[in-house]
Amino acid sequence: MARSARRTVYAGVVALVIGFLVPAAPAQAALVELTCNVNVHLSFSPALTATRTTAAVTGVANVVNCLSPSGNFGHLQAGTVSDATGTVTSLGGIPCNLLATITGRATIDWAPTGGHTTFDFTVNTNPLNGLVTLQTWQTSGPLAGTTSLTVAAANPNLGCALGGLSSITVPIGQTTFL
């Protein structure tokens, strides 16, 4: 092998070894586009019971005190959701089983700008189905292409043990759009 060819091979091996030894740059954290306080009320019809484990869902929500750490959505300060619809499936077995998965679609009407963000959502309160979360995927309008995650605690309707689970309420939560 010619001397210049050996140098080329040697340089390539050294570069390959150095590439394995130098740690990769850390992955970039997702950019927080918007963070808001939220309260949510979801109603189930018919009420879920020990034996009736599926129902239609309607819901409303308020999104307030929004801040845009990225600076891209400072004009979105608050909003309302009045058209959430979907389905709920509970684990059943007991009259007021809060282990459920809720899926649907809704729209946020933003103030003060008047824009509209349509999103698909999944609420999972059943740890057997993964993380206990409220996740959304924005499909149109401001924030299209982002996802959100809400951290909150949900409360069942009073009388749930006797009449079944007819609603859950999240009095205060924090939603972060990425």
C-alpha atoms as a PDB file:
ATOM      1  CA  MET A   1       0.000   0.000   0.000  1.00  0.00           C
ATOM      2  CA  ALA A   2       1.410   3.388  -0.917  1.00  0.00           C
ATOM      3  CA  ARG A   3       2.409   5.763   1.864  1.00  0.00           C
ATOM      4  CA  SER A   4      -0.318   8.345   0.981  1.00  0.00           C
ATOM      5  CA  ALA A   5      -2.993   5.640   0.927  1.00  0.00           C
ATOM      6  CA  ARG A   6      -1.898   4.437   4.400  1.00  0.00           C
ATOM      7  CA  ARG A   7      -2.083   8.003   5.723  1.00  0.00           C
ATOM      8  CA  THR A   8      -5.601   8.370   4.340  1.00  0.00           C
ATOM      9  CA  VAL A   9      -6.735   5.095   5.943  1.00  0.00           C
ATOM     10  CA  TYR A  10      -5.008   6.021   9.237  1.00  0.00           C
ATOM     11  CA  ALA A  11      -6.663   9.468   9.253  1.00  0.00           C
ATOM     12  CA  GLY A  12     -10.044   7.860   8.593  1.00  0.00           C
ATOM     13  CA  VAL A  13      -9.617   5.381  11.475  1.00  0.00           C
ATOM     14  CA  VAL A  14      -8.518   8.184  13.846  1.00  0.00           C
ATOM     15  CA  ALA A  15     -11.547  10.290  12.843  1.00  0.00           C
ATOM     16  CA  LEU A  16     -13.851   7.301  13.400  1.00  0.00           C
ATOM     17  CA  VAL A  17     -12.377   6.562  16.854  1.00  0.00           C
ATOM     18  CA  ILE A  18     -12.579  10.234  17.878  1.00  0.00           C
ATOM     19  CA  GLY A  19     -16.191  10.301  16.684  1.00  0.00           C
ATOM     20  CA  PHE A  20     -17.047   7.462  19.090  1.00  0.00           C
ATOM     21  CA  LEU A  21     -15.167   9.064  21.981  1.00  0.00           C
ATOM     22  CA  VAL A  22     -16.641  12.559  21.710  1.00  0.00           C
ATOM     23  CA  PRO A  23     -20.116  12.636  23.280  1.00  0.00           C
ATOM     24  CA  ALA A  24     -22.967  13.696  21.062  1.00  0.00           C
ATOM     25  CA  ALA A  25     -24.494  17.099  21.680  1.00  0.00           C
ATOM     26  CA  PRO A  26     -27.484  16.860  24.024  1.00  0.00           C
ATOM     27  CA  ALA A  27     -30.886  16.780  22.370  1.00  0.00           C
ATOM     28  CA  GLN A  28     -32.675  20.105  22.334  1.00  0.00           C
ATOM     29  CA  ALA A  29     -35.662  20.389  24.638  1.00  0.00           C
ATOM     30  CA  ALA A  30     -38.952  21.080  22.909  1.00  0.00           C
ATOM     31  CA  LEU A  31     -39.738  24.784  22.713  1.00  0.00           C
ATOM     32  CA  VAL A  32     -42.615  25.803  24.977  1.00  0.00           C
ATOM     33  CA  GLU A  33     -44.929  27.795  22.721  1.00  0.00           C
ATOM     34  CA  LEU A  34     -47.684  28.571  25.240  1.00  0.00           C
ATOM     35  CA  THR A  35     -48.604  27.706  28.815  1.00  0.00           C
ATOM     36  CA  CYS A  36     -52.034  28.381  30.339  1.00  0.00           C
ATOM     37  CA  ASN A  37     -54.185  27.644  33.358  1.00  0.00           C
ATOM     38  CA  VAL A  38     -57.222  25.562  32.448  1.00  0.00           C
ATOM     39  CA  ASN A  39     -60.452  24.301  33.982  1.00  0.00           C
ATOM     40  CA  VAL A  40     -62.458  21.566  32.283  1.00  0.00           C
ATOM     41  CA  HIS A  41     -65.895  19.991  32.684  1.00  0.00           C
ATOM     42  CA  LEU A  42     -66.730  16.784  30.771  1.00  0.00           C
ATOM     43  CA  SER A  43     -70.229  15.249  30.836  1.00  0.00           C
ATOM     44  CA  PHE A  44     -71.040  11.614  29.984  1.00  0.00           C
ATOM     45  CA  SER A  45     -74.351  10.427  28.559  1.00  0.00           C
ATOM     46  CA  PRO A  46     -75.519   7.971  29.696  1.00  0.00           C
ATOM     47  CA  ALA A  47     -73.721   7.903  33.050  1.00  0.00           C
ATOM     48  CA  LEU A  48     -71.059   5.206  33.357  1.00  0.00           C
ATOM     49  CA  THR A  49     -71.851   2.384  35.786  1.00  0.00           C
ATOM     50  CA  ALA A  50     -70.389  -0.970  36.779  1.00  0.00           C
ATOM     51  CA  THR A  51     -71.925  -2.525  33.642  1.00  0.00           C
ATOM     52  CA  ARG A  52     -72.396   0.461  31.279  1.00  0.00           C
ATOM     53  CA  THR A  53     -68.809   1.278  30.293  1.00  0.00           C
ATOM     54  CA  THR A  54     -69.162   3.504  27.204  1.00  0.00           C
ATOM     55  CA  ALA A  55     -70.859   6.843  26.667  1.00  0.00           C
ATOM     56  CA  ALA A  56     -70.891  10.003  24.586  1.00  0.00           C
ATOM     57  CA  VAL A  57     -68.884  12.964  25.883  1.00  0.00           C
ATOM     58  CA  THR A  58     -69.562  16.694  25.709  1.00  0.00           C
ATOM     59  CA  GLY A  59     -67.351  19.265  27.336  1.00  0.00           C
ATOM     60  CA  VAL A  60     -66.465  22.862  28.034  1.00  0.00           C
ATOM     61  CA  ALA A  61     -63.249  24.484  29.239  1.00  0.00           C
ATOM     62  CA  ASN A  62     -61.660  27.825  29.987  1.00  0.00           C
ATOM     63  CA  VAL A  63     -58.035  28.561  29.143  1.00  0.00           C
ATOM     64  CA  VAL A  64     -56.689  31.614  31.022  1.00  0.00           C
ATOM     65  CA  ASN A  65     -53.510  33.432  32.067  1.00  0.00           C
ATOM     66  CA  CYS A  66     -51.637  32.285  28.962  1.00  0.00           C
ATOM     67  CA  LEU A  67     -47.952  33.108  28.537  1.00  0.00           C
ATOM     68  CA  SER A  68     -45.784  32.453  25.485  1.00  0.00           C
ATOM     69  CA  PRO A  69     -42.182  31.662  26.541  1.00  0.00           C
ATOM     70  CA  SER A  70     -41.212  31.351  22.855  1.00  0.00           C
ATOM     71  CA  GLY A  71     -42.722  34.759  22.077  1.00  0.00           C
ATOM     72  CA  ASN A  72     -44.538  33.276  19.073  1.00  0.00           C
ATOM     73  CA  PHE A  73     -48.048  33.297  20.573  1.00  0.00           C
ATOM     74  CA  GLY A  74     -48.178  36.294  22.919  1.00  0.00           C
ATOM     75  CA  HIS A  75     -51.453  37.335  21.260  1.00  0.00           C
ATOM     76  CA  LEU A  76     -53.192  34.213  22.664  1.00  0.00           C
ATOM     77  CA  GLN A  77     -54.066  35.309  26.190  1.00  0.00           C
ATOM     78  CA  ALA A  78     -57.216  33.309  27.005  1.00  0.00           C
ATOM     79  CA  GLY A  79     -59.794  31.127  25.327  1.00  0.00           C
ATOM     80  CA  THR A  80     -62.927  29.061  25.704  1.00  0.00           C
ATOM     81  CA  VAL A  81     -63.899  25.589  24.552  1.00  0.00           C
ATOM     82  CA  SER A  82     -67.633  25.049  24.181  1.00  0.00           C
ATOM     83  CA  ASP A  83     -67.895  22.281  21.593  1.00  0.00           C
ATOM     84  CA  ALA A  84     -65.883  19.306  22.877  1.00  0.00           C
ATOM     85  CA  THR A  85     -67.406  16.004  21.753  1.00  0.00           C
ATOM     86  CA  GLY A  86     -66.191  12.433  21.875  1.00  0.00           C
ATOM     87  CA  THR A  87     -66.517   9.074  23.578  1.00  0.00           C
ATOM     88  CA  VAL A  88     -65.523   7.603  26.935  1.00  0.00           C
ATOM     89  CA  THR A  89     -64.749   4.002  27.851  1.00  0.00           C
ATOM     90  CA  SER A  90     -64.323   3.053  31.505  1.00  0.00           C
ATOM     91  CA  LEU A  91     -62.921  -0.076  33.056  1.00  0.00           C
ATOM     92  CA  GLY A  92     -66.292  -0.728  34.739  1.00  0.00           C
ATOM     93  CA  GLY A  93     -66.778  -3.228  37.528  1.00  0.00           C
ATOM     94  CA  ILE A  94     -67.777  -0.614  40.122  1.00  0.00           C
ATOM     95  CA  PRO A  95     -70.397   2.170  39.899  1.00  0.00           C
ATOM     96  CA  CYS A  96     -67.966   5.106  39.976  1.00  0.00           C
ATOM     97  CA  ASN A  97     -64.888   3.782  38.213  1.00  0.00           C
ATOM     98  CA  LEU A  98     -62.580   6.675  37.335  1.00  0.00           C
ATOM     99  CA  LEU A  99     -60.281   4.457  35.266  1.00  0.00           C
ATOM    100  CA  ALA A 100     -61.265   5.608  31.784  1.00  0.00           C
ATOM    101  CA  THR A 101     -60.074   6.727  28.377  1.00  0.00           C
ATOM    102  CA  ILE A 102     -61.782   9.700  26.729  1.00  0.00           C
ATOM    103  CA  THR A 103     -61.171  10.721  23.110  1.00  0.00           C
ATOM    104  CA  GLY A 104     -62.628  13.525  21.058  1.00  0.00           C
ATOM    105  CA  ARG A 105     -62.287  16.789  19.185  1.00  0.00           C
ATOM    106  CA  ALA A 106     -62.822  20.415  20.183  1.00  0.00           C
ATOM    107  CA  THR A 107     -62.014  24.027  19.294  1.00  0.00           C
ATOM    108  CA  ILE A 108     -60.475  26.800  21.386  1.00  0.00           C
ATOM    109  CA  ASP A 109     -61.896  30.259  20.626  1.00  0.00           C
ATOM    110  CA  TRP A 110     -59.040  32.630  21.524  1.00  0.00           C
ATOM    111  CA  ALA A 111     -59.293  36.091  23.050  1.00  0.00           C
ATOM    112  CA  PRO A 112     -58.622  38.843  22.386  1.00  0.00           C
ATOM    113  CA  THR A 113     -57.699  37.941  18.785  1.00  0.00           C
ATOM    114  CA  GLY A 114     -60.696  35.808  17.828  1.00  0.00           C
ATOM    115  CA  GLY A 115     -58.618  32.982  16.318  1.00  0.00           C
ATOM    116  CA  HIS A 116     -59.733  29.344  16.529  1.00  0.00           C
ATOM    117  CA  THR A 117     -57.569  26.269  17.218  1.00  0.00           C
ATOM    118  CA  THR A 118     -59.102  22.863  16.483  1.00  0.00           C
ATOM    119  CA  PHE A 119     -57.597  19.907  18.319  1.00  0.00           C
ATOM    120  CA  ASP A 120     -57.982  16.187  18.945  1.00  0.00           C
ATOM    121  CA  PHE A 121     -57.700  15.064  22.557  1.00  0.00           C
ATOM    122  CA  THR A 122     -57.170  11.979  24.681  1.00  0.00           C
ATOM    123  CA  VAL A 123     -57.749  11.879  28.417  1.00  0.00           C
ATOM    124  CA  ASN A 124     -56.338   8.758  30.028  1.00  0.00           C
ATOM    125  CA  THR A 125     -57.063   8.186  33.724  1.00  0.00           C
ATOM    126  CA  ASN A 126     -56.285   4.469  33.520  1.00  0.00           C
ATOM    127  CA  PRO A 127     -52.622   3.713  34.331  1.00  0.00           C
ATOM    128  CA  LEU A 128     -53.088   0.310  32.666  1.00  0.00           C
ATOM    129  CA  ASN A 129     -53.284   2.228  29.343  1.00  0.00           C
ATOM    130  CA  GLY A 130     -50.134   4.315  29.871  1.00  0.00           C
ATOM    131  CA  LEU A 131     -49.475   7.661  31.503  1.00  0.00           C
ATOM    132  CA  VAL A 132     -52.355   9.394  33.290  1.00  0.00           C
ATOM    133  CA  THR A 133     -52.653  12.493  31.090  1.00  0.00           C
ATOM    134  CA  LEU A 134     -54.704  14.899  29.034  1.00  0.00           C
ATOM    135  CA  GLN A 135     -52.981  15.269  25.673  1.00  0.00           C
ATOM    136  CA  THR A 136     -54.009  17.306  22.648  1.00  0.00           C
ATOM    137  CA  TRP A 137     -52.851  17.513  19.053  1.00  0.00           C
ATOM    138  CA  GLN A 138     -53.625  20.869  17.415  1.00  0.00           C
ATOM    139  CA  THR A 139     -54.820  20.309  13.837  1.00  0.00           C
ATOM    140  CA  SER A 140     -55.689  23.817  12.591  1.00  0.00           C
ATOM    141  CA  GLY A 141     -55.523  27.494  13.471  1.00  0.00           C
ATOM    142  CA  PRO A 142     -53.011  29.110  15.811  1.00  0.00           C
ATOM    143  CA  LEU A 143     -50.790  26.422  17.368  1.00  0.00           C
ATOM    144  CA  ALA A 144     -51.474  23.953  14.495  1.00  0.00           C
ATOM    145  CA  GLY A 145     -48.845  21.233  14.586  1.00  0.00           C
ATOM    146  CA  THR A 146     -48.199  21.537  18.320  1.00  0.00           C
ATOM    147  CA  THR A 147     -49.102  19.107  21.065  1.00  0.00           C
ATOM    148  CA  SER A 148     -50.110  19.880  24.617  1.00  0.00           C
ATOM    149  CA  LEU A 149     -49.987  18.119  27.933  1.00  0.00           C
ATOM    150  CA  THR A 150     -52.173  19.043  30.907  1.00  0.00           C
ATOM    151  CA  VAL A 151     -51.287  18.301  34.504  1.00  0.00           C
ATOM    152  CA  ALA A 152     -54.334  18.308  36.797  1.00  0.00           C
ATOM    153  CA  ALA A 153     -56.534  16.293  39.127  1.00  0.00           C
ATOM    154  CA  ALA A 154     -60.072  15.322  38.082  1.00  0.00           C
ATOM    155  CA  ASN A 155     -63.082  15.178  40.413  1.00  0.00           C
ATOM    156  CA  PRO A 156     -66.150  12.962  39.762  1.00  0.00           C
ATOM    157  CA  ASN A 157     -69.737  14.186  40.080  1.00  0.00           C
ATOM    158  CA  LEU A 158     -71.364  14.072  43.523  1.00  0.00           C
ATOM    159  CA  GLY A 159     -73.544  10.980  43.851  1.00  0.00           C
ATOM    160  CA  CYS A 160     -71.327   9.034  41.499  1.00  0.00           C
ATOM    161  CA  ALA A 161     -71.390   5.911  43.686  1.00  0.00           C
ATOM    162  CA  LEU A 162     -75.203   5.715  43.487  1.00  0.00           C
ATOM    163  CA  GLY A 163     -76.051   7.121  40.066  1.00  0.00           C
ATOM    164  CA  GLY A 164     -72.926   6.417  38.056  1.00  0.00           C
ATOM    165  CA  LEU A 165     -70.189   8.628  36.673  1.00  0.00           C
ATOM    166  CA  SER A 166     -71.953  11.398  34.733  1.00  0.00           C
ATOM    167  CA  SER A 167     -69.142  13.987  34.715  1.00  0.00           C
ATOM    168  CA  ILE A 168     -65.638  14.875  35.751  1.00  0.00           C
ATOM    169  CA  THR A 169     -64.362  18.339  36.538  1.00  0.00           C
ATOM    170  CA  VAL A 170     -60.825  19.686  36.560  1.00  0.00           C
ATOM    171  CA  PRO A 171     -61.085  22.863  38.659  1.00  0.00           C
ATOM    172  CA  ILE A 172     -57.534  24.009  37.872  1.00  0.00           C
ATOM    173  CA  GLY A 173     -54.779  22.566  35.738  1.00  0.00           C
ATOM    174  CA  GLN A 174     -51.722  23.669  33.782  1.00  0.00           C
ATOM    175  CA  THR A 175     -51.555  23.134  30.017  1.00  0.00           C
ATOM    176  CA  THR A 176     -48.292  23.408  28.106  1.00  0.00           C
ATOM    177  CA  PHE A 177     -48.215  23.593  24.294  1.00  0.00           C
ATOM    178  CA  LEU A 178     -45.013  22.353  22.633  1.00  0.00           C
END
